[in-house]
Amino acid sequence: MTSFRVKGGLRLKGSIVPQGAKNEALQIISAVLLTKGTVHIHKIPAIRDVMKLIELLADLGVSIEKTGEESYKFTASNVNLAFLDSEDFKEKAAALRGSIMILGPLLSRFGKGKVPKPGGDKIGRRRLDTHFVGFQKLGAQFNYDVKTGFYTVDGTKLKGTYLHLDEASVTGTANIIMASVLAEGETTIYNAACEPYIQQLCNMLVRMGANIEGIGSNLLKITGVEELGGTEHTMLPDMIEIGSFIGMAAMTGSEITIKDARIDMLGIIPETFKRLGIKMEFRGDDIFIPAQEHYAIDTFIDGSILTVADAIWPGFTPDLLSVVLVTATQAKGTVLVHQKMFESRLFFVDKLIDMGAQIILCDPHRATVIGLDRAFQLRGINMTSPDIRAGVSLLIAAMSAEGTSVIHNVEQIDRGYQFIDKRLNALGADIERFG
């Protein structure tokens, strides 16, 4: 188990460039299976989940060439479907939640696909029904073998249909889109997720020759084509990392510039952090956060306590609620954090309480944070990271705390943030990796 030793109380200064978007990378990289042509992808983050997916594609016979520090060429002209039946595939795919994303492309191009029950964060129930119901409505046969733990999907001739998704799942929408682009006829997807990641996937597929209407909305119309060709694609900067840096700057009283942030694709993320009292300036496509001694949480117009809740896009992303919660601990005022989508994502607050934060965990979905307004500094403790987003939130807390903290199981943080210790140390942090 790898750990971080974090010296708190240091102010950071400088510029940082966000990595490519993790959640976009998993579906964009999976989409290379849809074509024999070469797909050249830029801004690929060097994080564990993404690297494991690239390794999985290589095992499937995809030709992969690294063309730059963050760029790869993928050519899936000789896919080895027999690898899907191997123990090696079962072991590797089960360790990676993103492995579910290869099913749509495999089904679309080859008429079959299989994947073991994937892993990932233990943050609550994360259904896969949307994926498989979508495949079934396109004409595929779905089977789950309880003994082997394998999901198998067969569909030699998919046909377009009308789909009203039961939930606007980002990964479910992406998988169904990829299954539909080569299906016969027209597919309509209503209640589709419309996150920037989905828009990026659709725009890339259109450049490859797909016929998709309604990009950016929750109503997509896809007319199947015979085949897709190669293309070039650059991924968005990771909006979750950008939000994490905004919260980190506020908590540590630091002056930071986030470079090349694609502000036009951040939705209400900047505005939500502004409601916590965090000042920021947009300088072209950069976000400048000045050092602030104090920041005060806004209230609603009638004076009631501010509530920050997650919602499907264009609402506030659930992946940043942990960062909002930890940032609020040193603000002036009170905020109710309402995590609607995952019932276990707030359970890390016990560690913040041990550090001196004033938080009331109302239930598995809601926590009330009473900001300390820096009257009392958090204190360093030993703790363990339970998942990616809680892990980076605990890292932010440790960086702002008095004394030294030790965070164990930082492999969880590494799953979502590339070289985070080295990049923050370059700004003046003191984070030592050991173990």
Protein backbone atom coordinates (compact mmCIF):
# COMPACT_ATOMS: atom_id res chain seq x y z
CA MET A 1 0.00 0.00 0.00
CA THR A 2 1.37 3.40 -1.02
CA SER A 3 0.99 6.40 1.28
CA PHE A 4 1.48 10.18 1.31
CA ARG A 5 3.17 12.07 4.14
CA VAL A 6 1.81 15.62 3.88
CA LYS A 7 3.21 18.66 5.67
CA GLY A 8 0.33 21.07 6.11
CA GLY A 9 0.03 24.82 6.43
CA LEU A 10 2.04 25.70 3.31
CA ARG A 11 0.83 28.27 0.79
CA LEU A 12 1.18 27.39 -2.87
CA LYS A 13 1.90 29.69 -5.77
CA GLY A 14 2.19 29.24 -9.51
CA SER A 15 0.46 27.75 -12.54
CA ILE A 16 -0.84 24.25 -13.11
CA VAL A 17 -2.18 22.59 -16.25
CA PRO A 18 -5.09 20.17 -15.71
CA GLN A 19 -4.76 16.66 -17.07
CA GLY A 20 -6.99 15.24 -19.78
CA ALA A 21 -10.42 14.21 -18.56
CA LYS A 22 -10.42 10.73 -16.98
CA ASN A 23 -14.11 10.08 -17.58
CA GLU A 24 -13.83 11.12 -21.22
CA ALA A 25 -10.70 9.04 -21.75
CA LEU A 26 -12.33 5.73 -20.82
CA GLN A 27 -15.05 6.02 -23.46
CA ILE A 28 -12.95 7.71 -26.15
CA ILE A 29 -10.25 5.02 -25.92
CA SER A 30 -12.89 2.26 -26.00
CA ALA A 31 -14.35 3.81 -29.17
CA VAL A 32 -11.19 2.93 -31.16
CA LEU A 33 -12.60 -0.63 -31.33
CA LEU A 34 -15.31 0.65 -33.69
CA THR A 35 -12.98 1.04 -36.67
CA LYS A 36 -10.11 -0.55 -38.57
CA GLY A 37 -8.73 2.92 -39.14
CA THR A 38 -6.16 4.67 -36.97
CA VAL A 39 -7.42 6.94 -34.18
CA HIS A 40 -4.88 9.47 -32.87
CA ILE A 41 -5.80 10.69 -29.36
CA HIS A 42 -4.15 13.55 -27.49
CA LYS A 43 -4.23 14.67 -23.85
CA ILE A 44 -4.52 11.13 -22.45
CA PRO A 45 -3.99 11.25 -18.66
CA ALA A 46 -1.34 8.88 -17.28
CA ILE A 47 -3.55 7.50 -14.53
CA ARG A 48 -4.03 3.91 -13.46
CA ASP A 49 -7.53 3.30 -14.81
CA VAL A 50 -6.67 4.73 -18.24
CA MET A 51 -3.34 2.90 -18.51
CA LYS A 52 -5.03 -0.39 -17.56
CA LEU A 53 -7.64 0.14 -20.29
CA ILE A 54 -4.90 0.80 -22.86
CA GLU A 55 -3.15 -2.39 -21.70
CA LEU A 56 -6.42 -4.29 -22.09
CA LEU A 57 -6.81 -3.04 -25.67
CA ALA A 58 -3.24 -4.09 -26.45
CA ASP A 59 -4.05 -7.60 -25.16
CA LEU A 60 -7.08 -7.60 -27.49
CA GLY A 61 -4.75 -7.09 -30.43
CA VAL A 62 -5.09 -3.33 -30.89
CA SER A 63 -1.89 -1.80 -32.30
CA ILE A 64 -0.82 1.06 -30.01
CA GLU A 65 1.89 3.61 -30.72
CA LYS A 66 2.89 6.31 -28.26
CA THR A 67 3.48 9.47 -30.29
CA GLY A 68 4.05 11.98 -27.48
CA GLU A 69 3.97 12.44 -23.73
CA GLU A 70 0.15 12.38 -23.71
CA SER A 71 -0.61 11.13 -27.25
CA TYR A 72 -1.27 7.64 -28.65
CA LYS A 73 -2.26 6.13 -31.99
CA PHE A 74 -4.67 3.18 -31.87
CA THR A 75 -5.35 0.82 -34.79
CA ALA A 76 -7.90 -1.94 -34.13
CA SER A 77 -7.58 -3.74 -37.47
CA ASN A 78 -6.77 -7.15 -35.97
CA VAL A 79 -8.86 -7.59 -32.85
CA ASN A 80 -8.41 -10.97 -31.14
CA LEU A 81 -11.86 -11.83 -29.77
CA ALA A 82 -10.55 -15.13 -28.37
CA PHE A 83 -8.80 -13.13 -25.65
CA LEU A 84 -12.24 -12.42 -24.15
CA ASP A 85 -12.44 -16.07 -23.05
CA SER A 86 -9.09 -16.07 -21.27
CA GLU A 87 -8.43 -15.98 -17.52
CA ASP A 88 -6.05 -13.07 -18.16
CA PHE A 89 -8.91 -10.99 -19.58
CA LYS A 90 -11.19 -11.91 -16.69
CA GLU A 91 -8.61 -10.84 -14.12
CA LYS A 92 -7.68 -7.56 -15.82
CA ALA A 93 -11.18 -6.48 -16.78
CA ALA A 94 -12.62 -7.28 -13.34
CA ALA A 95 -10.11 -4.88 -11.76
CA LEU A 96 -11.23 -1.98 -13.97
CA ARG A 97 -14.69 -0.47 -13.86
CA GLY A 98 -14.03 1.22 -17.21
CA SER A 99 -13.85 -2.21 -18.88
CA ILE A 100 -17.64 -2.07 -19.27
CA MET A 101 -17.08 0.58 -21.97
CA ILE A 102 -15.63 -1.91 -24.47
CA LEU A 103 -18.94 -3.81 -24.68
CA GLY A 104 -20.78 -1.29 -26.88
CA PRO A 105 -18.01 -1.05 -29.51
CA LEU A 106 -17.47 -4.84 -29.57
CA LEU A 107 -21.18 -5.49 -29.95
CA SER A 108 -21.54 -2.83 -32.64
CA ARG A 109 -18.64 -3.98 -34.81
CA PHE A 110 -18.36 -7.72 -34.08
CA GLY A 111 -21.84 -8.65 -32.88
CA LYS A 112 -20.68 -9.97 -29.52
CA GLY A 113 -18.85 -9.01 -26.37
CA LYS A 114 -18.29 -10.11 -22.81
CA VAL A 115 -16.88 -8.62 -19.66
CA PRO A 116 -16.59 -9.75 -16.04
CA LYS A 117 -18.39 -7.80 -13.35
CA PRO A 118 -16.13 -4.73 -13.15
CA GLY A 119 -14.59 -3.16 -10.06
CA GLY A 120 -14.10 0.49 -9.14
CA ASP A 121 -14.89 2.78 -6.23
CA LYS A 122 -16.89 1.46 -3.29
CA ILE A 123 -19.16 4.49 -3.14
CA GLY A 124 -22.52 2.80 -3.23
CA ARG A 125 -24.69 0.94 -5.70
CA ARG A 126 -23.77 1.66 -9.33
CA ARG A 127 -26.20 -0.12 -11.64
CA LEU A 128 -25.32 -1.45 -15.07
CA ASP A 129 -28.95 -1.97 -16.07
CA THR A 130 -29.01 1.06 -18.38
CA HIS A 131 -26.21 -0.43 -20.49
CA PHE A 132 -27.76 -3.86 -20.90
CA VAL A 133 -31.38 -2.78 -21.31
CA GLY A 134 -30.17 -0.50 -24.10
CA PHE A 135 -28.31 -3.37 -25.79
CA GLN A 136 -31.37 -5.61 -25.50
CA LYS A 137 -33.66 -3.03 -27.08
CA LEU A 138 -31.22 -2.83 -29.99
CA GLY A 139 -31.78 -6.55 -30.47
CA ALA A 140 -28.95 -8.11 -28.48
CA GLN A 141 -29.28 -11.07 -26.13
CA PHE A 142 -27.93 -10.52 -22.63
CA ASN A 143 -26.78 -13.14 -20.14
CA TYR A 144 -25.15 -12.92 -16.72
CA ASP A 145 -23.48 -16.08 -15.42
CA VAL A 146 -23.49 -15.95 -11.62
CA LYS A 147 -20.87 -18.73 -11.36
CA THR A 148 -18.27 -17.15 -13.65
CA GLY A 149 -19.26 -13.54 -12.98
CA PHE A 150 -19.35 -12.79 -16.73
CA TYR A 151 -21.76 -10.53 -18.58
CA THR A 152 -22.19 -11.80 -22.16
CA VAL A 153 -23.96 -9.92 -24.95
CA ASP A 154 -24.74 -11.39 -28.39
CA GLY A 155 -26.19 -9.38 -31.25
CA THR A 156 -25.10 -10.21 -34.78
CA LYS A 157 -27.51 -7.74 -36.38
CA LEU A 158 -28.42 -4.78 -34.24
CA LYS A 159 -31.39 -2.68 -35.35
CA GLY A 160 -32.15 0.92 -34.49
CA THR A 161 -34.98 1.57 -32.06
CA TYR A 162 -36.48 4.10 -29.65
CA LEU A 163 -34.85 4.14 -26.22
CA HIS A 164 -36.08 6.14 -23.23
CA LEU A 165 -33.34 5.65 -20.65
CA ASP A 166 -34.42 5.02 -17.06
CA GLU A 167 -31.54 7.20 -15.89
CA ALA A 168 -29.26 9.66 -17.66
CA SER A 169 -26.19 7.50 -17.10
CA VAL A 170 -23.04 8.93 -18.71
CA THR A 171 -21.37 5.56 -19.25
CA GLY A 172 -24.68 3.94 -20.20
CA THR A 173 -25.40 6.65 -22.77
CA ALA A 174 -21.88 6.37 -24.19
CA ASN A 175 -22.09 2.59 -24.48
CA ILE A 176 -25.48 2.71 -26.20
CA ILE A 177 -24.27 5.41 -28.60
CA MET A 178 -21.29 3.26 -29.58
CA ALA A 179 -23.54 0.22 -30.01
CA SER A 180 -25.93 2.25 -32.21
CA VAL A 181 -23.60 3.96 -34.69
CA LEU A 182 -23.20 0.79 -36.80
CA ALA A 183 -26.72 -0.58 -36.20
CA GLU A 184 -29.24 -0.83 -39.02
CA GLY A 185 -31.71 2.07 -39.19
CA GLU A 186 -32.36 4.93 -36.77
CA THR A 187 -31.89 4.90 -33.01
CA THR A 188 -33.47 7.57 -30.82
CA ILE A 189 -32.11 7.97 -27.29
CA TYR A 190 -34.25 10.09 -24.95
CA ASN A 191 -33.09 11.12 -21.47
CA ALA A 192 -29.55 10.72 -22.76
CA ALA A 193 -26.73 12.12 -20.66
CA CYS A 194 -25.40 15.29 -22.27
CA GLU A 195 -22.18 15.92 -20.32
CA PRO A 196 -19.26 17.45 -22.22
CA TYR A 197 -17.73 13.96 -22.27
CA ILE A 198 -20.71 12.65 -24.24
CA GLN A 199 -20.53 15.65 -26.58
CA GLN A 200 -16.85 14.93 -27.15
CA LEU A 201 -17.55 11.27 -27.93
CA CYS A 202 -20.35 12.16 -30.36
CA ASN A 203 -18.26 14.77 -32.15
CA MET A 204 -15.39 12.31 -32.52
CA LEU A 205 -17.73 9.63 -33.90
CA VAL A 206 -19.17 12.13 -36.39
CA ARG A 207 -15.65 12.87 -37.63
CA MET A 208 -15.23 9.10 -38.05
CA GLY A 209 -18.32 9.00 -40.26
CA ALA A 210 -21.19 8.45 -37.79
CA ASN A 211 -24.54 10.19 -38.26
CA ILE A 212 -25.62 11.73 -34.92
CA GLU A 213 -28.12 14.55 -34.38
CA GLY A 214 -28.94 16.44 -31.18
CA ILE A 215 -25.40 16.54 -29.74
CA GLY A 216 -25.41 18.49 -26.47
CA SER A 217 -29.08 17.72 -25.74
CA ASN A 218 -30.81 14.82 -23.99
CA LEU A 219 -32.44 13.68 -27.26
CA LEU A 220 -30.07 11.97 -29.68
CA LYS A 221 -30.91 10.56 -33.10
CA ILE A 222 -28.41 8.15 -34.59
CA THR A 223 -28.65 6.76 -38.12
CA GLY A 224 -26.49 3.69 -38.50
CA VAL A 225 -23.70 3.61 -41.08
CA GLU A 226 -21.83 0.70 -42.67
CA GLU A 227 -18.42 1.48 -41.20
CA LEU A 228 -16.35 4.15 -39.48
CA GLY A 229 -12.92 5.48 -40.33
CA GLY A 230 -10.01 6.90 -38.35
CA THR A 231 -9.73 10.38 -36.88
CA GLU A 232 -7.76 12.62 -34.51
CA HIS A 233 -9.11 13.73 -31.15
CA THR A 234 -7.99 15.93 -28.25
CA MET A 235 -9.62 15.40 -24.88
CA LEU A 236 -10.96 18.13 -22.65
CA PRO A 237 -9.11 19.14 -19.49
CA ASP A 238 -10.48 17.27 -16.49
CA MET A 239 -13.24 19.38 -14.93
CA ILE A 240 -12.99 17.40 -11.68
CA GLU A 241 -9.31 18.21 -11.35
CA ILE A 242 -10.03 21.88 -12.11
CA GLY A 243 -12.66 21.99 -9.35
CA SER A 244 -10.24 20.23 -6.99
CA PHE A 245 -7.59 22.88 -7.65
CA ILE A 246 -10.08 25.69 -7.00
CA GLY A 247 -11.00 24.18 -3.62
CA MET A 248 -7.34 23.50 -2.80
CA ALA A 249 -6.38 27.12 -3.52
CA ALA A 250 -9.09 28.40 -1.17
CA MET A 251 -8.31 25.95 1.65
CA THR A 252 -4.57 26.67 1.61
CA GLY A 253 -4.90 30.44 1.00
CA SER A 254 -2.87 30.06 -2.18
CA GLU A 255 -2.53 32.05 -5.39
CA ILE A 256 -2.91 29.66 -8.28
CA THR A 257 -3.52 29.93 -12.02
CA ILE A 258 -5.22 26.98 -13.70
CA LYS A 259 -4.10 27.04 -17.32
CA ASP A 260 -6.11 26.07 -20.43
CA ALA A 261 -9.23 25.21 -18.44
CA ARG A 262 -11.81 25.19 -21.29
CA ILE A 263 -14.04 27.45 -19.20
CA ASP A 264 -16.78 27.17 -21.83
CA MET A 265 -17.20 23.46 -20.94
CA LEU A 266 -17.20 23.75 -17.13
CA GLY A 267 -20.91 24.46 -16.73
CA ILE A 268 -21.84 25.72 -13.25
CA ILE A 269 -18.68 24.45 -11.55
CA PRO A 270 -17.01 27.89 -11.24
CA GLU A 271 -20.28 29.51 -10.10
CA THR A 272 -20.79 26.86 -7.40
CA PHE A 273 -17.35 27.52 -5.92
CA LYS A 274 -18.02 31.27 -6.12
CA ARG A 275 -21.09 30.67 -3.92
CA LEU A 276 -18.69 29.33 -1.29
CA GLY A 277 -17.05 32.76 -1.38
CA ILE A 278 -14.05 31.83 -3.51
CA LYS A 279 -12.82 34.64 -5.73
CA MET A 280 -11.59 33.85 -9.22
CA GLU A 281 -10.86 35.67 -12.44
CA PHE A 282 -11.16 34.36 -15.97
CA ARG A 283 -8.11 35.44 -17.95
CA GLY A 284 -8.71 34.17 -21.46
CA ASP A 285 -9.03 30.43 -20.91
CA ASP A 286 -7.13 30.50 -17.61
CA ILE A 287 -8.66 30.66 -14.13
CA PHE A 288 -6.77 32.84 -11.64
CA ILE A 289 -7.53 32.26 -7.96
CA PRO A 290 -6.04 34.95 -5.69
CA ALA A 291 -4.87 34.17 -2.17
CA GLN A 292 -7.76 34.71 0.25
CA GLU A 293 -7.53 34.94 4.03
CA HIS A 294 -11.30 34.41 4.34
CA TYR A 295 -14.17 33.29 2.14
CA ALA A 296 -17.84 33.44 3.14
CA ILE A 297 -20.55 31.00 2.04
CA ASP A 298 -23.51 32.60 0.27
CA THR A 299 -27.08 32.08 1.40
CA PHE A 300 -30.27 31.79 -0.60
CA ILE A 301 -32.21 35.02 -1.26
CA ASP A 302 -34.53 34.40 1.68
CA GLY A 303 -31.55 33.96 4.00
CA SER A 304 -31.82 30.19 4.32
CA ILE A 305 -28.76 27.93 4.40
CA LEU A 306 -27.12 27.26 1.05
CA THR A 307 -27.57 23.72 -0.28
CA VAL A 308 -25.14 22.28 -2.81
CA ALA A 309 -26.54 19.15 -4.43
CA ASP A 310 -25.45 16.98 -7.33
CA ALA A 311 -27.57 16.62 -10.47
CA ILE A 312 -27.32 15.31 -13.99
CA TRP A 313 -25.64 17.69 -16.44
CA PRO A 314 -25.99 20.64 -16.76
CA GLY A 315 -26.36 20.38 -12.96
CA PHE A 316 -23.44 20.13 -10.56
CA THR A 317 -21.33 16.99 -10.96
CA PRO A 318 -21.38 14.51 -8.03
CA ASP A 319 -17.63 14.00 -8.39
CA LEU A 320 -16.96 17.45 -6.86
CA LEU A 321 -19.26 17.30 -3.85
CA SER A 322 -16.47 15.85 -1.69
CA VAL A 323 -14.26 18.80 -2.63
CA VAL A 324 -17.08 21.29 -1.89
CA LEU A 325 -17.57 19.68 1.50
CA VAL A 326 -13.92 19.87 2.56
CA THR A 327 -13.54 23.41 1.19
CA ALA A 328 -16.53 24.57 3.25
CA THR A 329 -14.88 23.45 6.52
CA GLN A 330 -12.71 26.61 6.57
CA ALA A 331 -15.26 29.00 5.08
CA LYS A 332 -17.40 31.45 7.05
CA GLY A 333 -20.97 30.19 7.19
CA THR A 334 -22.90 26.95 6.83
CA VAL A 335 -23.74 24.75 3.86
CA LEU A 336 -25.80 21.59 3.42
CA VAL A 337 -24.10 19.14 1.04
CA HIS A 338 -26.63 16.75 -0.52
CA GLN A 339 -25.13 13.78 -2.36
CA LYS A 340 -28.14 12.27 -4.14
CA MET A 341 -26.56 9.72 -6.45
CA PHE A 342 -24.29 7.61 -4.23
CA GLU A 343 -25.20 6.58 -0.71
CA SER A 344 -21.67 5.94 0.61
CA ARG A 345 -19.71 8.89 -0.73
CA LEU A 346 -19.98 11.06 2.41
CA PHE A 347 -18.69 8.46 4.83
CA PHE A 348 -15.18 9.96 4.72
CA VAL A 349 -16.35 12.92 6.84
CA ASP A 350 -15.41 11.05 10.05
CA LYS A 351 -11.78 11.70 9.13
CA LEU A 352 -12.44 15.41 8.67
CA ILE A 353 -14.19 15.49 12.06
CA ASP A 354 -11.10 13.85 13.58
CA MET A 355 -9.09 16.70 12.06
CA GLY A 356 -11.30 19.25 13.85
CA ALA A 357 -13.92 20.05 11.21
CA GLN A 358 -17.47 20.79 12.35
CA ILE A 359 -19.69 18.51 10.27
CA ILE A 360 -23.01 16.87 11.04
CA LEU A 361 -23.61 13.75 8.96
CA CYS A 362 -27.41 13.86 8.72
CA ASP A 363 -27.76 10.57 6.83
CA PRO A 364 -25.86 8.69 4.09
CA HIS A 365 -26.75 11.41 1.57
CA ARG A 366 -26.55 14.69 3.50
CA ALA A 367 -23.97 16.49 5.60
CA THR A 368 -24.15 19.95 7.20
CA VAL A 369 -20.81 21.78 7.33
CA ILE A 370 -20.33 24.62 9.82
CA GLY A 371 -17.36 26.57 8.54
CA LEU A 372 -14.55 27.43 10.98
CA ASP A 373 -13.56 30.64 9.13
CA ARG A 374 -9.93 29.72 9.90
CA ALA A 375 -10.55 30.42 13.62
CA PHE A 376 -9.28 26.89 14.22
CA GLN A 377 -6.89 25.15 11.84
CA LEU A 378 -7.46 21.51 11.01
CA ARG A 379 -4.89 19.18 12.58
CA GLY A 380 -2.88 16.50 10.84
CA ILE A 381 -3.86 12.86 11.42
CA ASN A 382 -3.33 9.37 9.97
CA MET A 383 -6.11 8.31 7.59
CA THR A 384 -6.95 6.06 4.65
CA SER A 385 -8.38 7.10 1.28
CA PRO A 386 -11.66 5.25 0.57
CA ASP A 387 -12.16 6.37 -3.06
CA ILE A 388 -10.77 8.75 -5.70
CA ARG A 389 -12.72 11.90 -4.84
CA ALA A 390 -12.70 11.47 -1.07
CA GLY A 391 -8.97 10.78 -1.36
CA VAL A 392 -8.16 14.07 -3.04
CA SER A 393 -10.46 15.88 -0.60
CA LEU A 394 -8.51 14.41 2.32
CA LEU A 395 -5.30 15.47 0.58
CA ILE A 396 -6.65 19.04 0.35
CA ALA A 397 -7.55 18.92 4.05
CA ALA A 398 -4.07 17.63 4.95
CA MET A 399 -2.39 20.38 2.93
CA SER A 400 -4.33 23.01 4.88
CA ALA A 401 -3.89 21.38 8.31
CA GLU A 402 -1.49 22.14 11.11
CA GLY A 403 1.25 19.54 11.37
CA THR A 404 1.82 16.40 9.32
CA SER A 405 -0.79 13.98 7.99
CA VAL A 406 -0.34 10.49 6.56
CA ILE A 407 -2.81 9.27 3.93
CA HIS A 408 -2.76 5.56 3.14
CA ASN A 409 -4.14 3.76 0.07
CA VAL A 410 -3.26 6.65 -2.25
CA GLU A 411 -3.54 4.23 -5.16
CA GLN A 412 -7.17 5.39 -5.09
CA ILE A 413 -6.06 8.99 -5.69
CA ASP A 414 -3.70 7.80 -8.44
CA ARG A 415 -6.70 6.31 -10.25
CA GLY A 416 -7.99 9.82 -10.97
CA TYR A 417 -5.09 12.26 -10.66
CA GLN A 418 -1.81 11.86 -12.54
CA PHE A 419 1.46 12.56 -10.70
CA ILE A 420 -0.53 14.66 -8.21
CA ASP A 421 2.25 14.75 -5.61
CA LYS A 422 4.92 15.92 -8.09
CA ARG A 423 2.63 18.53 -9.67
CA LEU A 424 1.58 20.02 -6.33
CA ASN A 425 5.12 19.93 -4.94
CA ALA A 426 6.13 22.06 -7.94
CA LEU A 427 3.73 24.72 -6.59
CA GLY A 428 5.27 24.61 -3.11
CA ALA A 429 3.48 21.69 -1.42
CA ASP A 430 5.37 19.15 0.72
CA ILE A 431 4.00 15.72 -0.19
CA GLU A 432 6.22 12.67 0.23
CA ARG A 433 5.23 9.35 -1.36
CA PHE A 434 6.34 6.22 0.47
CA GLY A 435 5.53 2.54 0.82
